[in-house]
Amino acid sequence: SQWLSETGIQDLLTVLAERAERQQK
């Protein structure tokens, strides 16, 4: 998140959470 805005951070974390669930990671 080093260079991301607050919105970018929330989007990134949402994608990572979905990835963890979808791929069982």
PDB file of all heavy atoms in Angstrom:
ATOM      1  N   SER A   1       0.808  -1.228   0.000  1.00  0.00           N
ATOM      2  CA  SER A   1       0.000   0.000   0.000  1.00  0.00           C
ATOM      3  C   SER A   1       0.837   1.271   0.000  1.00  0.00           C
ATOM      4  O   SER A   1       0.284   2.368   0.067  1.00  0.00           O
ATOM      5  CB  SER A   1      -0.922   0.013   1.225  1.00  0.00           C
ATOM      6  OG  SER A   1      -0.172   0.256   2.405  1.00  0.00           O
ATOM      7  N   GLN A   2       2.138   1.130  -0.101  1.00  0.00           N
ATOM      8  CA  GLN A   2       3.049   2.270   0.068  1.00  0.00           C
ATOM      9  C   GLN A   2       2.678   3.487  -0.773  1.00  0.00           C
ATOM     10  O   GLN A   2       2.727   4.606  -0.293  1.00  0.00           O
ATOM     11  CB  GLN A   2       4.470   1.826  -0.240  1.00  0.00           C
ATOM     12  CG  GLN A   2       5.493   2.904  -0.006  1.00  0.00           C
ATOM     13  CD  GLN A   2       6.903   2.404  -0.216  1.00  0.00           C
ATOM     14  OE1 GLN A   2       7.126   1.316  -0.691  1.00  0.00           O
ATOM     15  NE2 GLN A   2       7.865   3.227   0.130  1.00  0.00           N
ATOM     16  N   TRP A   3       2.291   3.299  -2.000  1.00  0.00           N
ATOM     17  CA  TRP A   3       2.029   4.437  -2.880  1.00  0.00           C
ATOM     18  C   TRP A   3       0.553   4.576  -3.237  1.00  0.00           C
ATOM     19  O   TRP A   3       0.204   5.291  -4.170  1.00  0.00           O
ATOM     20  CB  TRP A   3       2.857   4.327  -4.163  1.00  0.00           C
ATOM     21  CG  TRP A   3       4.316   4.202  -3.873  1.00  0.00           C
ATOM     22  CD1 TRP A   3       5.080   3.081  -3.979  1.00  0.00           C
ATOM     23  CD2 TRP A   3       5.184   5.221  -3.384  1.00  0.00           C
ATOM     24  NE1 TRP A   3       6.368   3.334  -3.600  1.00  0.00           N
ATOM     25  CE2 TRP A   3       6.465   4.662  -3.222  1.00  0.00           C
ATOM     26  CE3 TRP A   3       5.015   6.562  -3.049  1.00  0.00           C
ATOM     27  CZ2 TRP A   3       7.557   5.379  -2.755  1.00  0.00           C
ATOM     28  CZ3 TRP A   3       6.113   7.276  -2.591  1.00  0.00           C
ATOM     29  CH2 TRP A   3       7.351   6.683  -2.457  1.00  0.00           C
ATOM     30  N   LEU A   4      -0.319   3.916  -2.482  1.00  0.00           N
ATOM     31  CA  LEU A   4      -1.747   3.935  -2.808  1.00  0.00           C
ATOM     32  C   LEU A   4      -2.507   4.950  -1.969  1.00  0.00           C
ATOM     33  O   LEU A   4      -2.148   5.239  -0.826  1.00  0.00           O
ATOM     34  CB  LEU A   4      -2.355   2.547  -2.580  1.00  0.00           C
ATOM     35  CG  LEU A   4      -1.801   1.408  -3.430  1.00  0.00           C
ATOM     36  CD1 LEU A   4      -2.475   0.104  -3.040  1.00  0.00           C
ATOM     37  CD2 LEU A   4      -1.996   1.695  -4.901  1.00  0.00           C
ATOM     38  N   SER A   5      -3.595   5.443  -2.535  1.00  0.00           N
ATOM     39  CA  SER A   5      -4.517   6.300  -1.783  1.00  0.00           C
ATOM     40  C   SER A   5      -5.333   5.415  -0.848  1.00  0.00           C
ATOM     41  O   SER A   5      -5.279   4.177  -0.924  1.00  0.00           O
ATOM     42  CB  SER A   5      -5.457   7.016  -2.754  1.00  0.00           C
ATOM     43  OG  SER A   5      -6.298   6.055  -3.386  1.00  0.00           O
ATOM     44  N   GLU A   6      -6.127   6.022   0.010  1.00  0.00           N
ATOM     45  CA  GLU A   6      -6.989   5.241   0.915  1.00  0.00           C
ATOM     46  C   GLU A   6      -7.954   4.357   0.124  1.00  0.00           C
ATOM     47  O   GLU A   6      -8.187   3.204   0.481  1.00  0.00           O
ATOM     48  CB  GLU A   6      -7.766   6.178   1.843  1.00  0.00           C
ATOM     49  CG  GLU A   6      -6.886   6.882   2.864  1.00  0.00           C
ATOM     50  CD  GLU A   6      -6.178   5.909   3.793  1.00  0.00           C
ATOM     51  OE1 GLU A   6      -6.804   4.929   4.252  1.00  0.00           O
ATOM     52  OE2 GLU A   6      -4.988   6.138   4.064  1.00  0.00           O
ATOM     53  N   THR A   7      -8.499   4.895  -0.956  1.00  0.00           N
ATOM     54  CA  THR A   7      -9.400   4.102  -1.806  1.00  0.00           C
ATOM     55  C   THR A   7      -8.641   2.957  -2.453  1.00  0.00           C
ATOM     56  O   THR A   7      -9.136   1.829  -2.504  1.00  0.00           O
ATOM     57  CB  THR A   7     -10.041   4.990  -2.891  1.00  0.00           C
ATOM     58  OG1 THR A   7     -10.750   6.052  -2.258  1.00  0.00           O
ATOM     59  CG2 THR A   7     -10.971   4.188  -3.776  1.00  0.00           C
ATOM     60  N   GLY A   8      -7.438   3.222  -2.925  1.00  0.00           N
ATOM     61  CA  GLY A   8      -6.609   2.188  -3.533  1.00  0.00           C
ATOM     62  C   GLY A   8      -6.276   1.082  -2.541  1.00  0.00           C
ATOM     63  O   GLY A   8      -6.264  -0.103  -2.891  1.00  0.00           O
ATOM     64  N   ILE A   9      -6.010   1.458  -1.294  1.00  0.00           N
ATOM     65  CA  ILE A   9      -5.712   0.470  -0.255  1.00  0.00           C
ATOM     66  C   ILE A   9      -6.923  -0.427  -0.020  1.00  0.00           C
ATOM     67  O   ILE A   9      -6.801  -1.657   0.034  1.00  0.00           O
ATOM     68  CB  ILE A   9      -5.293   1.162   1.056  1.00  0.00           C
ATOM     69  CG1 ILE A   9      -3.943   1.854   0.876  1.00  0.00           C
ATOM     70  CG2 ILE A   9      -5.236   0.151   2.202  1.00  0.00           C
ATOM     71  CD1 ILE A   9      -3.561   2.762   2.024  1.00  0.00           C
ATOM     72  N   GLN A  10      -8.098   0.177   0.113  1.00  0.00           N
ATOM     73  CA  GLN A  10      -9.311  -0.615   0.334  1.00  0.00           C
ATOM     74  C   GLN A  10      -9.572  -1.555  -0.835  1.00  0.00           C
ATOM     75  O   GLN A  10      -9.936  -2.720  -0.637  1.00  0.00           O
ATOM     76  CB  GLN A  10     -10.515   0.297   0.584  1.00  0.00           C
ATOM     77  CG  GLN A  10     -10.452   1.042   1.900  1.00  0.00           C
ATOM     78  CD  GLN A  10     -10.363   0.111   3.101  1.00  0.00           C
ATOM     79  OE1 GLN A  10     -11.120  -0.845   3.227  1.00  0.00           O
ATOM     80  NE2 GLN A  10      -9.425   0.390   3.990  1.00  0.00           N
ATOM     81  N   ASP A  11      -9.361  -1.069  -2.050  1.00  0.00           N
ATOM     82  CA  ASP A  11      -9.544  -1.920  -3.240  1.00  0.00           C
ATOM     83  C   ASP A  11      -8.547  -3.080  -3.233  1.00  0.00           C
ATOM     84  O   ASP A  11      -8.920  -4.222  -3.512  1.00  0.00           O
ATOM     85  CB  ASP A  11      -9.385  -1.100  -4.518  1.00  0.00           C
ATOM     86  CG  ASP A  11     -10.533  -0.127  -4.742  1.00  0.00           C
ATOM     87  OD1 ASP A  11     -11.576  -0.256  -4.069  1.00  0.00           O
ATOM     88  OD2 ASP A  11     -10.363   0.776  -5.592  1.00  0.00           O
ATOM     89  N   LEU A  12      -7.293  -2.789  -2.932  1.00  0.00           N
ATOM     90  CA  LEU A  12      -6.271  -3.828  -2.885  1.00  0.00           C
ATOM     91  C   LEU A  12      -6.615  -4.893  -1.849  1.00  0.00           C
ATOM     92  O   LEU A  12      -6.549  -6.097  -2.115  1.00  0.00           O
ATOM     93  CB  LEU A  12      -4.903  -3.222  -2.553  1.00  0.00           C
ATOM     94  CG  LEU A  12      -3.783  -4.226  -2.258  1.00  0.00           C
ATOM     95  CD1 LEU A  12      -3.439  -5.033  -3.504  1.00  0.00           C
ATOM     96  CD2 LEU A  12      -2.573  -3.516  -1.695  1.00  0.00           C
ATOM     97  N   LEU A  13      -6.998  -4.465  -0.649  1.00  0.00           N
ATOM     98  CA  LEU A  13      -7.312  -5.418   0.415  1.00  0.00           C
ATOM     99  C   LEU A  13      -8.537  -6.264   0.072  1.00  0.00           C
ATOM    100  O   LEU A  13      -8.575  -7.461   0.377  1.00  0.00           O
ATOM    101  CB  LEU A  13      -7.500  -4.683   1.736  1.00  0.00           C
ATOM    102  CG  LEU A  13      -6.250  -3.964   2.254  1.00  0.00           C
ATOM    103  CD1 LEU A  13      -6.564  -3.221   3.534  1.00  0.00           C
ATOM    104  CD2 LEU A  13      -5.092  -4.923   2.437  1.00  0.00           C
ATOM    105  N   THR A  14      -9.505  -5.660  -0.590  1.00  0.00           N
ATOM    106  CA  THR A  14     -10.679  -6.417  -1.032  1.00  0.00           C
ATOM    107  C   THR A  14     -10.277  -7.497  -2.028  1.00  0.00           C
ATOM    108  O   THR A  14     -10.703  -8.650  -1.917  1.00  0.00           O
ATOM    109  CB  THR A  14     -11.723  -5.472  -1.650  1.00  0.00           C
ATOM    110  OG1 THR A  14     -12.139  -4.533  -0.655  1.00  0.00           O
ATOM    111  CG2 THR A  14     -12.924  -6.233  -2.166  1.00  0.00           C
ATOM    112  N   VAL A  15      -9.441  -7.137  -2.990  1.00  0.00           N
ATOM    113  CA  VAL A  15      -8.983  -8.105  -3.996  1.00  0.00           C
ATOM    114  C   VAL A  15      -8.186  -9.229  -3.327  1.00  0.00           C
ATOM    115  O   VAL A  15      -8.372 -10.411  -3.645  1.00  0.00           O
ATOM    116  CB  VAL A  15      -8.149  -7.405  -5.093  1.00  0.00           C
ATOM    117  CG1 VAL A  15      -7.389  -8.412  -5.937  1.00  0.00           C
ATOM    118  CG2 VAL A  15      -9.030  -6.542  -5.958  1.00  0.00           C
ATOM    119  N   LEU A  16      -7.299  -8.886  -2.386  1.00  0.00           N
ATOM    120  CA  LEU A  16      -6.505  -9.917  -1.719  1.00  0.00           C
ATOM    121  C   LEU A  16      -7.368 -10.840  -0.873  1.00  0.00           C
ATOM    122  O   LEU A  16      -7.142 -12.053  -0.830  1.00  0.00           O
ATOM    123  CB  LEU A  16      -5.402  -9.279  -0.876  1.00  0.00           C
ATOM    124  CG  LEU A  16      -4.287  -8.594  -1.656  1.00  0.00           C
ATOM    125  CD1 LEU A  16      -3.299  -7.934  -0.700  1.00  0.00           C
ATOM    126  CD2 LEU A  16      -3.576  -9.572  -2.574  1.00  0.00           C
ATOM    127  N   ALA A  17      -8.367 -10.287  -0.199  1.00  0.00           N
ATOM    128  CA  ALA A  17      -9.278 -11.121   0.599  1.00  0.00           C
ATOM    129  C   ALA A  17     -10.062 -12.071  -0.301  1.00  0.00           C
ATOM    130  O   ALA A  17     -10.216 -13.264   0.019  1.00  0.00           O
ATOM    131  CB  ALA A  17     -10.230 -10.241   1.412  1.00  0.00           C
ATOM    132  N   GLU A  18     -10.548 -11.573  -1.414  1.00  0.00           N
ATOM    133  CA  GLU A  18     -11.273 -12.424  -2.367  1.00  0.00           C
ATOM    134  C   GLU A  18     -10.353 -13.491  -2.944  1.00  0.00           C
ATOM    135  O   GLU A  18     -10.762 -14.642  -3.103  1.00  0.00           O
ATOM    136  CB  GLU A  18     -11.880 -11.576  -3.483  1.00  0.00           C
ATOM    137  CG  GLU A  18     -13.018 -10.700  -3.012  1.00  0.00           C
ATOM    138  CD  GLU A  18     -13.471  -9.680  -4.045  1.00  0.00           C
ATOM    139  OE1 GLU A  18     -12.845  -9.582  -5.135  1.00  0.00           O
ATOM    140  OE2 GLU A  18     -14.446  -8.958  -3.762  1.00  0.00           O
ATOM    141  N   ARG A  19      -9.117 -13.131  -3.242  1.00  0.00           N
ATOM    142  CA  ARG A  19      -8.143 -14.087  -3.775  1.00  0.00           C
ATOM    143  C   ARG A  19      -7.868 -15.195  -2.756  1.00  0.00           C
ATOM    144  O   ARG A  19      -7.808 -16.374  -3.108  1.00  0.00           O
ATOM    145  CB  ARG A  19      -6.850 -13.363  -4.129  1.00  0.00           C
ATOM    146  CG  ARG A  19      -5.753 -14.247  -4.648  1.00  0.00           C
ATOM    147  CD  ARG A  19      -4.508 -13.400  -4.949  1.00  0.00           C
ATOM    148  NE  ARG A  19      -3.410 -14.194  -5.422  1.00  0.00           N
ATOM    149  CZ  ARG A  19      -3.246 -14.599  -6.668  1.00  0.00           C
ATOM    150  NH1 ARG A  19      -4.130 -14.243  -7.587  1.00  0.00           N
ATOM    151  NH2 ARG A  19      -2.215 -15.327  -7.014  1.00  0.00           N
ATOM    152  N   ALA A  20      -7.693 -14.814  -1.500  1.00  0.00           N
ATOM    153  CA  ALA A  20      -7.434 -15.803  -0.447  1.00  0.00           C
ATOM    154  C   ALA A  20      -8.585 -16.796  -0.351  1.00  0.00           C
ATOM    155  O   ALA A  20      -8.367 -18.010  -0.260  1.00  0.00           O
ATOM    156  CB  ALA A  20      -7.210 -15.102   0.887  1.00  0.00           C
ATOM    157  N   GLU A  21      -9.795 -16.289  -0.392  1.00  0.00           N
ATOM    158  CA  GLU A  21     -10.966 -17.168  -0.277  1.00  0.00           C
ATOM    159  C   GLU A  21     -11.137 -18.032  -1.529  1.00  0.00           C
ATOM    160  O   GLU A  21     -11.322 -19.246  -1.430  1.00  0.00           O
ATOM    161  CB  GLU A  21     -12.227 -16.341  -0.049  1.00  0.00           C
ATOM    162  CG  GLU A  21     -13.438 -17.198   0.197  1.00  0.00           C
ATOM    163  CD  GLU A  21     -14.654 -16.368   0.545  1.00  0.00           C
ATOM    164  OE1 GLU A  21     -14.496 -15.283   1.131  1.00  0.00           O
ATOM    165  OE2 GLU A  21     -15.765 -16.815   0.222  1.00  0.00           O
ATOM    166  N   ARG A  22     -11.052 -17.420  -2.678  1.00  0.00           N
ATOM    167  CA  ARG A  22     -11.276 -18.130  -3.939  1.00  0.00           C
ATOM    168  C   ARG A  22     -10.232 -19.219  -4.184  1.00  0.00           C
ATOM    169  O   ARG A  22     -10.551 -20.315  -4.627  1.00  0.00           O
ATOM    170  CB  ARG A  22     -11.293 -17.130  -5.096  1.00  0.00           C
ATOM    171  CG  ARG A  22     -11.637 -17.734  -6.452  1.00  0.00           C
ATOM    172  CD  ARG A  22     -11.729 -16.677  -7.560  1.00  0.00           C
ATOM    173  NE  ARG A  22     -10.510 -15.909  -7.720  1.00  0.00           N
ATOM    174  CZ  ARG A  22     -10.327 -14.639  -7.334  1.00  0.00           C
ATOM    175  NH1 ARG A  22     -11.301 -13.967  -6.764  1.00  0.00           N
ATOM    176  NH2 ARG A  22      -9.186 -14.021  -7.525  1.00  0.00           N
ATOM    177  N   GLN A  23      -8.977 -18.916  -3.873  1.00  0.00           N
ATOM    178  CA  GLN A  23      -7.896 -19.858  -4.155  1.00  0.00           C
ATOM    179  C   GLN A  23      -7.452 -20.651  -2.924  1.00  0.00           C
ATOM    180  O   GLN A  23      -6.460 -21.368  -2.969  1.00  0.00           O
ATOM    181  CB  GLN A  23      -6.710 -19.117  -4.767  1.00  0.00           C
ATOM    182  CG  GLN A  23      -7.043 -18.495  -6.099  1.00  0.00           C
ATOM    183  CD  GLN A  23      -5.834 -17.865  -6.764  1.00  0.00           C
ATOM    184  OE1 GLN A  23      -4.699 -17.971  -6.305  1.00  0.00           O
ATOM    185  NE2 GLN A  23      -6.079 -17.190  -7.876  1.00  0.00           N
ATOM    186  N   GLN A  24      -8.190 -20.473  -1.809  1.00  0.00           N
ATOM    187  CA  GLN A  24      -7.856 -21.177  -0.566  1.00  0.00           C
ATOM    188  C   GLN A  24      -6.391 -20.958  -0.177  1.00  0.00           C
ATOM    189  O   GLN A  24      -5.645 -21.890   0.075  1.00  0.00           O
ATOM    190  CB  GLN A  24      -8.159 -22.673  -0.696  1.00  0.00           C
ATOM    191  CG  GLN A  24      -9.627 -22.986  -0.905  1.00  0.00           C
ATOM    192  CD  GLN A  24     -10.457 -22.565   0.299  1.00  0.00           C
ATOM    193  OE1 GLN A  24     -10.291 -23.093   1.382  1.00  0.00           O
ATOM    194  NE2 GLN A  24     -11.343 -21.591   0.112  1.00  0.00           N
ATOM    195  N   LYS A  25      -5.996 -19.674  -0.153  1.00  0.00           N
ATOM    196  CA  LYS A  25      -4.619 -19.306   0.162  1.00  0.00           C
ATOM    197  C   LYS A  25      -4.551 -18.550   1.479  1.00  0.00           C
ATOM    198  O   LYS A  25      -5.522 -17.932   1.900  1.00  0.00           O
ATOM    199  CB  LYS A  25      -4.029 -18.421  -0.936  1.00  0.00           C
ATOM    200  CG  LYS A  25      -3.776 -19.142  -2.235  1.00  0.00           C
ATOM    201  CD  LYS A  25      -3.045 -18.246  -3.200  1.00  0.00           C
ATOM    202  CE  LYS A  25      -2.746 -18.977  -4.477  1.00  0.00           C
ATOM    203  NZ  LYS A  25      -1.432 -19.582  -4.466  1.00  0.00           N
TER     204      LYS A  25
END
